[in-house]
């Protein structure tokens, strides 16, 4: 049983905006420290950042508009707590406490992700596969058109609909099930720099699970220099390479780890 949402789901808009702001921070610093929270819907977008790199309001607004179409942006920027900042001084250490479990992707999850990518068409969508039961909720389509391609699926049970931020609200890291499948985390994947274990250890554990074919469990405390016997700096560089390969934090936010 698995649920996937499209990159135009309102929660994914929030994740993508947060990811784009992290990308912006990395354009201005080699190892920025940043955490972003985004809440949007009904014509406005609210953003709070804790960041070591100043993000110009004009560039923030342009990112929000490009991704969501929203023009009304409330942006507040703060410095990171001095104790948390000191934890990263001198060398890379775990930026938080956390538990992480990477799990191999199942055939069902691969199948549904493929379906989602074929039908979403740039619009808000949500898809569920539970054994033989396929549910497709796709906005901005004529339902009979999809029924011809997926005759056994339940398509738009309430009829044709229009999604997006004018009819719903979105928040950062609210679709982790879609992003991670059976994997487990105590934090969130999006809107954070690579020093944050929520990003780097999640990616590392997930990648190792795909390589080994078995679940990989890890835990850490803030300030740890090794996690599960692996130097934290190695974990961060593994995650950095992965993010670069897929095109950055905004691209990561589009589909999550199961892409």
C-alpha atoms as a PDB file:
ATOM      1  CA  UNK A   1       0.000   0.000   0.000  1.00  0.00           C
ATOM      2  CA  UNK A   2       1.520   3.310  -1.080  1.00  0.00           C
ATOM      3  CA  UNK A   3       0.468   6.904  -1.755  1.00  0.00           C
ATOM      4  CA  UNK A   4       2.256   9.315  -4.100  1.00  0.00           C
ATOM      5  CA  UNK A   5       1.557  12.982  -4.767  1.00  0.00           C
ATOM      6  CA  UNK A   6       2.571  15.110  -7.729  1.00  0.00           C
ATOM      7  CA  UNK A   7       5.097  17.983  -7.595  1.00  0.00           C
ATOM      8  CA  UNK A   8       2.129  20.361  -8.019  1.00  0.00           C
ATOM      9  CA  UNK A   9       0.404  19.179  -4.837  1.00  0.00           C
ATOM     10  CA  UNK A  10       0.274  22.135  -2.444  1.00  0.00           C
ATOM     11  CA  UNK A  11       2.444  20.377   0.151  1.00  0.00           C
ATOM     12  CA  UNK A  12       4.983  19.736  -2.606  1.00  0.00           C
ATOM     13  CA  UNK A  13       4.840  23.428  -3.529  1.00  0.00           C
ATOM     14  CA  UNK A  14       5.926  24.117   0.069  1.00  0.00           C
ATOM     15  CA  UNK A  15       8.705  21.508  -0.115  1.00  0.00           C
ATOM     16  CA  UNK A  16       9.902  22.813  -3.481  1.00  0.00           C
ATOM     17  CA  UNK A  17       9.966  26.436  -2.297  1.00  0.00           C
ATOM     18  CA  UNK A  18      11.937  25.382   0.784  1.00  0.00           C
ATOM     19  CA  UNK A  19      14.320  23.382  -1.408  1.00  0.00           C
ATOM     20  CA  UNK A  20      14.799  26.292  -3.820  1.00  0.00           C
ATOM     21  CA  UNK A  21      15.706  28.568  -0.898  1.00  0.00           C
ATOM     22  CA  UNK A  22      18.293  26.032   0.271  1.00  0.00           C
ATOM     23  CA  UNK A  23      19.655  25.953  -3.289  1.00  0.00           C
ATOM     24  CA  UNK A  24      19.866  29.756  -3.146  1.00  0.00           C
ATOM     25  CA  UNK A  25      21.832  29.584   0.109  1.00  0.00           C
ATOM     26  CA  UNK A  26      24.286  27.110  -1.455  1.00  0.00           C
ATOM     27  CA  UNK A  27      24.767  29.480  -4.392  1.00  0.00           C
ATOM     28  CA  UNK A  28      26.124  32.013  -1.912  1.00  0.00           C
ATOM     29  CA  UNK A  29      28.099  29.799   0.498  1.00  0.00           C
ATOM     30  CA  UNK A  30      29.930  26.457   0.365  1.00  0.00           C
ATOM     31  CA  UNK A  31      28.373  25.135   3.582  1.00  0.00           C
ATOM     32  CA  UNK A  32      25.481  27.377   4.621  1.00  0.00           C
ATOM     33  CA  UNK A  33      23.419  26.675   7.695  1.00  0.00           C
ATOM     34  CA  UNK A  34      19.750  27.029   6.882  1.00  0.00           C
ATOM     35  CA  UNK A  35      16.354  25.689   7.923  1.00  0.00           C
ATOM     36  CA  UNK A  36      13.181  26.786   6.125  1.00  0.00           C
ATOM     37  CA  UNK A  37       9.518  26.430   7.033  1.00  0.00           C
ATOM     38  CA  UNK A  38       6.847  27.246   4.423  1.00  0.00           C
ATOM     39  CA  UNK A  39       3.073  27.526   4.829  1.00  0.00           C
ATOM     40  CA  UNK A  40       1.047  28.582   1.804  1.00  0.00           C
ATOM     41  CA  UNK A  41      -2.460  28.716   0.436  1.00  0.00           C
ATOM     42  CA  UNK A  42      -5.333  30.967  -0.607  1.00  0.00           C
ATOM     43  CA  UNK A  43      -3.214  33.679  -2.109  1.00  0.00           C
ATOM     44  CA  UNK A  44      -0.409  33.995   0.436  1.00  0.00           C
ATOM     45  CA  UNK A  45       2.840  32.285   1.386  1.00  0.00           C
ATOM     46  CA  UNK A  46       4.457  32.521   4.817  1.00  0.00           C
ATOM     47  CA  UNK A  47       8.151  31.651   5.195  1.00  0.00           C
ATOM     48  CA  UNK A  48      10.444  31.584   8.221  1.00  0.00           C
ATOM     49  CA  UNK A  49      14.160  30.838   7.838  1.00  0.00           C
ATOM     50  CA  UNK A  50      17.000  30.365  10.281  1.00  0.00           C
ATOM     51  CA  UNK A  51      20.029  31.005   8.118  1.00  0.00           C
ATOM     52  CA  UNK A  52      23.684  31.948   8.076  1.00  0.00           C
ATOM     53  CA  UNK A  53      23.235  33.386   4.561  1.00  0.00           C
ATOM     54  CA  UNK A  54      21.000  36.355   3.854  1.00  0.00           C
ATOM     55  CA  UNK A  55      18.368  35.634   1.190  1.00  0.00           C
ATOM     56  CA  UNK A  56      17.160  38.794  -0.593  1.00  0.00           C
ATOM     57  CA  UNK A  57      13.397  39.244  -0.343  1.00  0.00           C
ATOM     58  CA  UNK A  58      13.108  39.876  -4.060  1.00  0.00           C
ATOM     59  CA  UNK A  59      14.724  36.545  -4.885  1.00  0.00           C
ATOM     60  CA  UNK A  60      12.576  34.758  -2.299  1.00  0.00           C
ATOM     61  CA  UNK A  61       9.438  36.272  -3.814  1.00  0.00           C
ATOM     62  CA  UNK A  62      10.506  35.310  -7.326  1.00  0.00           C
ATOM     63  CA  UNK A  63      10.975  31.677  -6.234  1.00  0.00           C
ATOM     64  CA  UNK A  64       7.542  31.547  -4.595  1.00  0.00           C
ATOM     65  CA  UNK A  65       5.891  33.056  -7.674  1.00  0.00           C
ATOM     66  CA  UNK A  66       7.687  30.704 -10.083  1.00  0.00           C
ATOM     67  CA  UNK A  67       6.734  27.570  -8.194  1.00  0.00           C
ATOM     68  CA  UNK A  68       3.254  28.353  -6.853  1.00  0.00           C
ATOM     69  CA  UNK A  69       2.060  31.456  -8.682  1.00  0.00           C
ATOM     70  CA  UNK A  70       1.548  33.237  -5.358  1.00  0.00           C
ATOM     71  CA  UNK A  71       2.601  36.912  -5.246  1.00  0.00           C
ATOM     72  CA  UNK A  72       1.771  37.762  -1.626  1.00  0.00           C
ATOM     73  CA  UNK A  73       4.817  36.596   0.375  1.00  0.00           C
ATOM     74  CA  UNK A  74       5.510  37.130   4.090  1.00  0.00           C
ATOM     75  CA  UNK A  75       9.198  36.406   4.706  1.00  0.00           C
ATOM     76  CA  UNK A  76      11.055  36.508   8.030  1.00  0.00           C
ATOM     77  CA  UNK A  77      14.738  35.666   8.450  1.00  0.00           C
ATOM     78  CA  UNK A  78      16.600  34.878  11.675  1.00  0.00           C
ATOM     79  CA  UNK A  79      20.105  33.886  12.713  1.00  0.00           C
ATOM     80  CA  UNK A  80      20.671  30.360  13.996  1.00  0.00           C
ATOM     81  CA  UNK A  81      20.859  29.910  17.755  1.00  0.00           C
ATOM     82  CA  UNK A  82      24.436  30.569  18.919  1.00  0.00           C
ATOM     83  CA  UNK A  83      24.757  27.170  20.635  1.00  0.00           C
ATOM     84  CA  UNK A  84      23.593  25.318  17.517  1.00  0.00           C
ATOM     85  CA  UNK A  85      25.920  27.417  15.377  1.00  0.00           C
ATOM     86  CA  UNK A  86      28.860  26.615  17.664  1.00  0.00           C
ATOM     87  CA  UNK A  87      28.182  22.886  17.210  1.00  0.00           C
ATOM     88  CA  UNK A  88      29.180  23.253  13.552  1.00  0.00           C
ATOM     89  CA  UNK A  89      32.239  25.415  14.210  1.00  0.00           C
ATOM     90  CA  UNK A  90      35.534  23.913  13.083  1.00  0.00           C
ATOM     91  CA  UNK A  91      34.240  20.656  11.603  1.00  0.00           C
ATOM     92  CA  UNK A  92      31.083  18.936  10.411  1.00  0.00           C
ATOM     93  CA  UNK A  93      29.098  17.357  13.224  1.00  0.00           C
ATOM     94  CA  UNK A  94      25.525  16.085  13.475  1.00  0.00           C
ATOM     95  CA  UNK A  95      23.219  19.075  13.602  1.00  0.00           C
ATOM     96  CA  UNK A  96      20.450  17.301  15.523  1.00  0.00           C
ATOM     97  CA  UNK A  97      19.305  14.168  17.337  1.00  0.00           C
ATOM     98  CA  UNK A  98      17.522  11.662  15.142  1.00  0.00           C
ATOM     99  CA  UNK A  99      16.416   8.153  14.207  1.00  0.00           C
ATOM    100  CA  UNK A 100      16.491   6.907  10.632  1.00  0.00           C
ATOM    101  CA  UNK A 101      15.525   3.738   8.795  1.00  0.00           C
ATOM    102  CA  UNK A 102      16.173   3.337   5.089  1.00  0.00           C
ATOM    103  CA  UNK A 103      14.059   0.646   3.427  1.00  0.00           C
ATOM    104  CA  UNK A 104      14.380  -0.793  -0.097  1.00  0.00           C
ATOM    105  CA  UNK A 105      11.780   0.502  -2.542  1.00  0.00           C
ATOM    106  CA  UNK A 106       9.112  -2.082  -3.394  1.00  0.00           C
ATOM    107  CA  UNK A 107       7.809  -3.017  -6.829  1.00  0.00           C
ATOM    108  CA  UNK A 108       4.448  -1.488  -5.849  1.00  0.00           C
ATOM    109  CA  UNK A 109       6.116   1.824  -4.990  1.00  0.00           C
ATOM    110  CA  UNK A 110       8.040   1.835  -8.266  1.00  0.00           C
ATOM    111  CA  UNK A 111       4.861   1.047 -10.222  1.00  0.00           C
ATOM    112  CA  UNK A 112       2.791   3.804  -8.620  1.00  0.00           C
ATOM    113  CA  UNK A 113       5.575   6.378  -9.006  1.00  0.00           C
ATOM    114  CA  UNK A 114       5.706   5.543 -12.703  1.00  0.00           C
ATOM    115  CA  UNK A 115       1.934   5.983 -13.007  1.00  0.00           C
ATOM    116  CA  UNK A 116       2.088   9.303 -11.142  1.00  0.00           C
ATOM    117  CA  UNK A 117       4.785  10.642 -13.466  1.00  0.00           C
ATOM    118  CA  UNK A 118       2.799   9.625 -16.544  1.00  0.00           C
ATOM    119  CA  UNK A 119      -0.535  11.200 -15.569  1.00  0.00           C
ATOM    120  CA  UNK A 120       0.203  14.294 -13.469  1.00  0.00           C
ATOM    121  CA  UNK A 121       0.638  16.691 -16.395  1.00  0.00           C
ATOM    122  CA  UNK A 122       1.943  19.558 -14.259  1.00  0.00           C
ATOM    123  CA  UNK A 123      -1.129  19.731 -12.013  1.00  0.00           C
ATOM    124  CA  UNK A 124      -2.150  18.807  -8.474  1.00  0.00           C
ATOM    125  CA  UNK A 125      -2.545  15.049  -8.111  1.00  0.00           C
ATOM    126  CA  UNK A 126      -2.672  12.247  -5.555  1.00  0.00           C
ATOM    127  CA  UNK A 127      -2.406   8.523  -6.292  1.00  0.00           C
ATOM    128  CA  UNK A 128      -2.845   5.349  -4.221  1.00  0.00           C
ATOM    129  CA  UNK A 129      -1.993   1.728  -5.010  1.00  0.00           C
ATOM    130  CA  UNK A 130      -3.186  -0.933  -2.574  1.00  0.00           C
ATOM    131  CA  UNK A 131      -2.699  -4.354  -4.089  1.00  0.00           C
ATOM    132  CA  UNK A 132      -4.934  -4.376  -7.168  1.00  0.00           C
ATOM    133  CA  UNK A 133      -6.787  -1.191  -6.165  1.00  0.00           C
ATOM    134  CA  UNK A 134      -5.533   1.902  -8.009  1.00  0.00           C
ATOM    135  CA  UNK A 135      -6.957   5.324  -7.105  1.00  0.00           C
ATOM    136  CA  UNK A 136      -6.078   8.299  -9.297  1.00  0.00           C
ATOM    137  CA  UNK A 137      -7.108  11.798  -8.218  1.00  0.00           C
ATOM    138  CA  UNK A 138      -5.819  14.150 -10.883  1.00  0.00           C
ATOM    139  CA  UNK A 139      -6.900  17.759 -11.231  1.00  0.00           C
ATOM    140  CA  UNK A 140      -7.339  19.631 -14.505  1.00  0.00           C
ATOM    141  CA  UNK A 141      -8.132  16.550 -16.602  1.00  0.00           C
ATOM    142  CA  UNK A 142     -11.305  15.233 -18.201  1.00  0.00           C
ATOM    143  CA  UNK A 143     -11.979  12.083 -16.170  1.00  0.00           C
ATOM    144  CA  UNK A 144     -13.103   9.930 -19.154  1.00  0.00           C
ATOM    145  CA  UNK A 145      -9.736  10.600 -20.811  1.00  0.00           C
ATOM    146  CA  UNK A 146      -7.886   8.898 -17.953  1.00  0.00           C
ATOM    147  CA  UNK A 147     -10.492   6.129 -17.734  1.00  0.00           C
ATOM    148  CA  UNK A 148      -9.571   5.057 -21.270  1.00  0.00           C
ATOM    149  CA  UNK A 149      -5.948   4.536 -20.195  1.00  0.00           C
ATOM    150  CA  UNK A 150      -6.707   3.065 -16.744  1.00  0.00           C
ATOM    151  CA  UNK A 151     -10.090   1.292 -17.128  1.00  0.00           C
ATOM    152  CA  UNK A 152      -9.744  -0.638 -13.852  1.00  0.00           C
ATOM    153  CA  UNK A 153      -8.761   2.375 -11.738  1.00  0.00           C
ATOM    154  CA  UNK A 154     -10.942   4.561  -9.545  1.00  0.00           C
ATOM    155  CA  UNK A 155     -10.437   7.977 -11.126  1.00  0.00           C
ATOM    156  CA  UNK A 156     -11.575  11.263  -9.553  1.00  0.00           C
ATOM    157  CA  UNK A 157     -14.275   9.662  -7.343  1.00  0.00           C
ATOM    158  CA  UNK A 158     -16.009  13.041  -6.870  1.00  0.00           C
ATOM    159  CA  UNK A 159     -15.656  14.035 -10.519  1.00  0.00           C
ATOM    160  CA  UNK A 160     -13.425  16.546 -12.299  1.00  0.00           C
ATOM    161  CA  UNK A 161     -11.735  19.033  -9.968  1.00  0.00           C
ATOM    162  CA  UNK A 162      -9.257  21.880  -9.877  1.00  0.00           C
ATOM    163  CA  UNK A 163      -6.516  21.729  -7.226  1.00  0.00           C
ATOM    164  CA  UNK A 164      -3.684  23.986  -6.186  1.00  0.00           C
ATOM    165  CA  UNK A 165      -3.170  26.645  -3.538  1.00  0.00           C
ATOM    166  CA  UNK A 166      -6.492  28.408  -4.234  1.00  0.00           C
ATOM    167  CA  UNK A 167      -8.432  25.443  -2.815  1.00  0.00           C
ATOM    168  CA  UNK A 168      -5.999  23.954  -0.286  1.00  0.00           C
ATOM    169  CA  UNK A 169      -3.097  24.784   2.050  1.00  0.00           C
ATOM    170  CA  UNK A 170       0.395  23.335   1.945  1.00  0.00           C
ATOM    171  CA  UNK A 171       3.169  22.937   4.508  1.00  0.00           C
ATOM    172  CA  UNK A 172       6.759  21.744   4.462  1.00  0.00           C
ATOM    173  CA  UNK A 173       7.500  18.044   5.071  1.00  0.00           C
ATOM    174  CA  UNK A 174       3.862  16.953   5.226  1.00  0.00           C
ATOM    175  CA  UNK A 175       4.180  14.282   2.502  1.00  0.00           C
ATOM    176  CA  UNK A 176       7.069  12.185   3.821  1.00  0.00           C
ATOM    177  CA  UNK A 177       5.174   8.955   3.150  1.00  0.00           C
ATOM    178  CA  UNK A 178       5.085   9.877  -0.540  1.00  0.00           C
ATOM    179  CA  UNK A 179       8.779  10.789  -0.417  1.00  0.00           C
ATOM    180  CA  UNK A 180      10.087   7.822   1.576  1.00  0.00           C
ATOM    181  CA  UNK A 181       7.654   4.895   1.349  1.00  0.00           C
ATOM    182  CA  UNK A 182       8.348   2.432   4.164  1.00  0.00           C
ATOM    183  CA  UNK A 183      11.427   4.302   5.391  1.00  0.00           C
ATOM    184  CA  UNK A 184      11.228   6.001   8.791  1.00  0.00           C
ATOM    185  CA  UNK A 185      12.526   9.308  10.098  1.00  0.00           C
ATOM    186  CA  UNK A 186      12.132  11.462  13.160  1.00  0.00           C
ATOM    187  CA  UNK A 187      12.533  14.626  11.075  1.00  0.00           C
ATOM    188  CA  UNK A 188      11.904  16.026   7.626  1.00  0.00           C
ATOM    189  CA  UNK A 189      13.760  15.839   4.322  1.00  0.00           C
ATOM    190  CA  UNK A 190      13.177  19.306   2.935  1.00  0.00           C
ATOM    191  CA  UNK A 191      14.237  22.879   3.630  1.00  0.00           C
ATOM    192  CA  UNK A 192      17.497  22.097   5.420  1.00  0.00           C
ATOM    193  CA  UNK A 193      21.202  22.165   4.640  1.00  0.00           C
ATOM    194  CA  UNK A 194      23.381  19.061   4.513  1.00  0.00           C
ATOM    195  CA  UNK A 195      24.692  19.454   8.056  1.00  0.00           C
ATOM    196  CA  UNK A 196      21.204  18.481   9.264  1.00  0.00           C
ATOM    197  CA  UNK A 197      20.941  14.761   9.977  1.00  0.00           C
ATOM    198  CA  UNK A 198      17.318  14.859   8.805  1.00  0.00           C
ATOM    199  CA  UNK A 199      18.670  15.381   5.313  1.00  0.00           C
ATOM    200  CA  UNK A 200      22.032  13.630   5.148  1.00  0.00           C
ATOM    201  CA  UNK A 201      21.457  10.554   7.325  1.00  0.00           C
ATOM    202  CA  UNK A 202      18.055   9.915   5.743  1.00  0.00           C
ATOM    203  CA  UNK A 203      19.598  10.010   2.275  1.00  0.00           C
ATOM    204  CA  UNK A 204      22.580   7.896   3.346  1.00  0.00           C
ATOM    205  CA  UNK A 205      20.451   5.203   5.054  1.00  0.00           C
ATOM    206  CA  UNK A 206      18.070   5.080   2.079  1.00  0.00           C
ATOM    207  CA  UNK A 207      20.905   4.727  -0.449  1.00  0.00           C
ATOM    208  CA  UNK A 208      22.556   1.957   1.587  1.00  0.00           C
ATOM    209  CA  UNK A 209      19.225   0.119   1.820  1.00  0.00           C
ATOM    210  CA  UNK A 210      18.886   0.198  -1.975  1.00  0.00           C
ATOM    211  CA  UNK A 211      22.431  -1.142  -2.340  1.00  0.00           C
ATOM    212  CA  UNK A 212      22.078  -3.921   0.237  1.00  0.00           C
ATOM    213  CA  UNK A 213      18.433  -4.850  -0.313  1.00  0.00           C
ATOM    214  CA  UNK A 214      17.763  -4.816   3.436  1.00  0.00           C
ATOM    215  CA  UNK A 215      16.648  -2.074   5.859  1.00  0.00           C
ATOM    216  CA  UNK A 216      19.395   0.130   7.295  1.00  0.00           C
ATOM    217  CA  UNK A 217      18.809   1.665  10.741  1.00  0.00           C
ATOM    218  CA  UNK A 218      20.847   4.542  12.188  1.00  0.00           C
ATOM    219  CA  UNK A 219      20.569   6.977  15.063  1.00  0.00           C
ATOM    220  CA  UNK A 220      22.544  10.019  16.194  1.00  0.00           C
ATOM    221  CA  UNK A 221      22.872  12.675  18.851  1.00  0.00           C
ATOM    222  CA  UNK A 222      23.606  16.303  18.160  1.00  0.00           C
ATOM    223  CA  UNK A 223      27.360  16.797  17.980  1.00  0.00           C
ATOM    224  CA  UNK A 224      28.161  13.216  16.891  1.00  0.00           C
ATOM    225  CA  UNK A 225      31.139  12.951  14.555  1.00  0.00           C
ATOM    226  CA  UNK A 226      30.306   9.374  13.538  1.00  0.00           C
ATOM    227  CA  UNK A 227      26.930   7.700  12.948  1.00  0.00           C
ATOM    228  CA  UNK A 228      26.699   3.926  12.909  1.00  0.00           C
ATOM    229  CA  UNK A 229      30.476   3.754  12.700  1.00  0.00           C
ATOM    230  CA  UNK A 230      30.568   6.025   9.620  1.00  0.00           C
ATOM    231  CA  UNK A 231      32.246   9.453   9.822  1.00  0.00           C
ATOM    232  CA  UNK A 232      29.536  12.082   9.654  1.00  0.00           C
ATOM    233  CA  UNK A 233      31.549  14.016   7.092  1.00  0.00           C
ATOM    234  CA  UNK A 234      31.394  10.965   4.778  1.00  0.00           C
ATOM    235  CA  UNK A 235      27.614  10.806   5.235  1.00  0.00           C
ATOM    236  CA  UNK A 236      27.289  14.491   4.363  1.00  0.00           C
ATOM    237  CA  UNK A 237      29.438  14.126   1.243  1.00  0.00           C
ATOM    238  CA  UNK A 238      27.412  11.110   0.114  1.00  0.00           C
ATOM    239  CA  UNK A 239      24.229  13.161   0.472  1.00  0.00           C
ATOM    240  CA  UNK A 240      25.860  16.136  -1.280  1.00  0.00           C
ATOM    241  CA  UNK A 241      26.767  13.955  -4.271  1.00  0.00           C
ATOM    242  CA  UNK A 242      23.210  12.575  -4.443  1.00  0.00           C
ATOM    243  CA  UNK A 243      21.636  16.051  -4.341  1.00  0.00           C
ATOM    244  CA  UNK A 244      23.978  17.246  -7.076  1.00  0.00           C
ATOM    245  CA  UNK A 245      23.191  14.224  -9.249  1.00  0.00           C
ATOM    246  CA  UNK A 246      19.448  14.893  -9.198  1.00  0.00           C
ATOM    247  CA  UNK A 247      19.834  18.649  -9.762  1.00  0.00           C
ATOM    248  CA  UNK A 248      19.579  20.274  -6.342  1.00  0.00           C
ATOM    249  CA  UNK A 249      17.285  20.547  -3.343  1.00  0.00           C
ATOM    250  CA  UNK A 250      14.296  21.855  -5.284  1.00  0.00           C
ATOM    251  CA  UNK A 251      14.482  18.888  -7.680  1.00  0.00           C
ATOM    252  CA  UNK A 252      14.839  16.571  -4.670  1.00  0.00           C
ATOM    253  CA  UNK A 253      11.621  18.001  -3.238  1.00  0.00           C
ATOM    254  CA  UNK A 254       9.619  17.262  -6.396  1.00  0.00           C
ATOM    255  CA  UNK A 255       9.452  13.483  -5.916  1.00  0.00           C
ATOM    256  CA  UNK A 256      11.481  12.789  -2.764  1.00  0.00           C
ATOM    257  CA  UNK A 257      13.609   9.663  -2.484  1.00  0.00           C
ATOM    258  CA  UNK A 258      11.220   7.461  -4.465  1.00  0.00           C
ATOM    259  CA  UNK A 259      11.480   8.979  -7.914  1.00  0.00           C
END
